[in-house]
Protein backbone atom coordinates (compact mmCIF):
# COMPACT_ATOMS: atom_id res chain seq x y z
CA MET A 1 15.70 13.70 9.56
CA GLU A 2 15.82 9.90 9.27
CA ARG A 3 14.65 8.63 6.27
CA GLN A 4 10.88 7.88 6.12
CA VAL A 5 9.25 4.72 3.60
CA ALA A 6 5.46 4.26 3.90
CA LEU A 7 3.80 0.78 1.03
CA VAL A 8 -0.05 1.98 1.12
CA ILE A 9 -2.11 -0.88 -0.35
CA GLY A 10 -5.24 -0.72 -0.87
CA ASN A 11 -7.86 -3.24 -2.66
CA SER A 12 -11.69 -2.76 -3.24
CA ASN A 13 -12.64 -4.93 -6.64
CA TYR A 14 -13.28 -8.54 -6.52
CA ILE A 15 -13.63 -10.94 -8.68
CA THR A 16 -15.16 -13.55 -6.67
CA GLN A 17 -16.86 -11.31 -3.92
CA ASN A 18 -18.74 -7.76 -3.67
CA ASP A 19 -16.56 -5.07 -3.63
CA LEU A 20 -15.13 -3.55 -0.61
CA LYS A 21 -16.63 0.07 0.38
CA ASN A 22 -13.80 1.42 2.52
CA PRO A 23 -10.44 -0.31 1.21
CA GLY A 24 -10.03 1.98 -2.07
CA ASN A 25 -11.19 5.36 0.37
CA ASP A 26 -9.26 4.82 3.63
CA ALA A 27 -5.52 3.48 1.78
CA ARG A 28 -6.31 7.04 0.04
CA LEU A 29 -6.65 8.89 3.12
CA MET A 30 -3.45 6.98 4.71
CA LYS A 31 -1.04 7.61 1.50
CA SER A 32 -1.78 11.96 2.50
CA THR A 33 -1.24 11.54 5.27
CA LEU A 34 2.08 9.57 5.81
CA GLU A 35 3.40 12.83 2.31
CA LYS A 36 2.04 15.25 5.17
CA LEU A 37 4.65 12.98 7.69
CA GLY A 38 7.48 12.84 5.45
CA PHE A 39 7.57 9.10 4.02
CA LYS A 40 7.51 8.53 0.71
CA VAL A 41 4.54 6.29 0.11
CA HIS A 42 4.30 3.58 -2.50
CA PHE A 43 0.34 2.84 -3.06
CA TYR A 44 -0.97 0.49 -4.81
CA LEU A 45 -4.92 0.50 -4.89
CA ASP A 46 -6.71 -3.19 -6.69
CA ALA A 47 -3.25 -4.79 -7.39
CA ASN A 48 -3.69 -9.18 -8.47
CA SER A 49 -1.36 -10.64 -6.77
CA LYS A 50 1.50 -10.21 -9.03
CA GLN A 51 1.70 -6.28 -8.64
CA LEU A 52 1.45 -7.04 -4.83
CA LEU A 53 5.10 -9.13 -4.40
CA GLU A 54 6.67 -6.56 -7.74
CA ALA A 55 4.67 -3.85 -4.39
CA VAL A 56 6.30 -6.08 -1.74
CA ARG A 57 9.68 -6.38 -3.40
CA ARG A 58 10.11 -1.98 -4.98
CA PHE A 59 9.19 -0.89 -0.95
CA HIS A 60 11.62 -3.83 -0.13
CA ALA A 61 14.59 -1.79 -2.07
CA ASP A 62 14.28 1.31 -0.75
CA LEU A 63 14.02 -0.17 3.04
CA THR A 64 17.66 1.96 3.99
CA PRO A 65 19.07 1.06 7.25
CA GLY A 66 18.32 3.38 10.20
CA CYS A 67 14.93 4.48 7.81
CA ILE A 68 11.10 4.51 8.98
CA GLY A 69 9.93 1.55 7.46
CA ALA A 70 5.78 2.07 7.35
CA PHE A 71 3.63 -0.81 5.92
CA PHE A 72 -0.72 0.01 5.27
CA PHE A 73 -2.55 -2.63 3.53
CA SER A 74 -6.00 -2.09 3.89
CA GLY A 75 -8.66 -5.26 1.83
CA ASN A 76 -8.90 -8.88 1.91
CA GLU A 77 -6.64 -10.46 -0.15
CA ALA A 78 -5.10 -10.16 -3.31
CA PRO A 79 -8.21 -9.39 -6.36
CA GLY A 80 -9.04 -12.43 -9.19
CA ARG A 81 -7.75 -10.46 -11.46
């Protein structure tokens, strides 16, 4: 079986705009679904810009030749925290 790695991010809480209701729930559901499919999931909720950059770096480092990679983001942008 091929190695499967995913990065899942859900940003719901914002300083400069109203909070969003669904991104966290969407991200949790996607995480659960991908794990059931055998993916190793890097999972982040309400990550700021610095945390998002680190998340992408960790995900990239975990990708190996021939593996399957998946990316899911729900939200507008990085919260201003």
